Amino acid sequence: MMDPGICQNALSQKENSSISMAYFLLVLSALFWSGNFVVARGIHEVIPPVTLAFFRWALALVIFLPFTFRKVVRNRSLIIKNRGWIAVLSLLSVSSFSIFIYMALNKTTVVNTALVNSFYPVLIVIGSWVGFSDRITLRQGTGVVLSLTGLMWILSKGKLSVLLGLSFSEGDLWTLAAGCSWALYSVLLRKKPQELDHFTFLAAMMIFGTFCLLPVFLWEIAITGLPRYVPQAFGGVLYIAVFPSILSFLCWNKGVERVGANRAGIFVHLIPVFSILMAIILLGERLQYFHLPGMALIFSGIFLTTFAVKNS
């Protein structure tokens, strides 16, 4: 008869391995999304934001659907049954977030977008508390206040007059709108139909999201026309379609399912680290004087919320 202690130890090791794999997937999703910021900023003068969002997801769907078509057909009754939540989740992530973040990168630098982006996990914690009554400890609450202060410092460029006049840059406001959309998506991801595997769920989201993007895309090209062909730009679209769209979403959804939205949200903080390094190396961007105090406040808040989540 097997020793119960050995069985317990084996289960514990399996659990730790599963959590480690979830964390690894979340790191990969942050890395791929960082590339999305840098590439989108690099080609923003060639491809308008809504057109880029549509090309991204339409191409991702063309690449991904052949691998999942049979699963989608086999699970079509489940998809139809849960079409409401799938539509909401796809609207928040595939459609709204993509448009908002590309609008932001059309107006401001990768560095600024990435730093404001680092506030997203705090939005996730707040969203979980408001929507599902997830507990926020005093330590977490303090972290939220610190991070919010850091965010406001960056948005106001360290100037009290800007803060009092609420004269934030358009790019920063688009980034904040993207953050609200992404936080709501991450919080509501617990409503994902458990019967659908990650591949089928992502394919369904792509289908819903691409159709939502279509009318806005047609409106934009009616105004701006189709972008001119530039090989490097369309190579960038291919990268965005494969890595931030397909692989990042698979990694993120699996990681959130395993460790929860609050803990997963912490890994969004890797995006500014990866993004800033790539932007400095590839785009020649640099940190501004007002970024550093904001970073210190945001990451102090991150430490507090992270510590509280891990020990709650």
Foldseek 3Di string as FASTA:
>chain_A
DDDVVVVVVVVVVVLVVLLVLLVVLLLLLLLLVLLVLQLLLVCCVQAPQLRLLLLQLVVLLVVQCVVCVVVCVVCVVVCVVCVVLLLLLLCLPSALLSSLLSVLSNFDPLLLLLLLLLLLLLLLVVCCCVPPVDDQDPLLVLLNVLLVVLNLLSQQVNDVVCSVVVVGTPSSVSSVSSSNSVSNSQNSLVVPPPVDDLSSSLSSSSVSNSVVSVVVSVVVCVPVNGGDDDPSSVVSSVSSNPRNRPSSSSSLSSSCVSLNSNLSSLSSNCNSVSNVVCCCVPVVDDDDPSNVSSSVSNVVSSVSSNVVVVVD
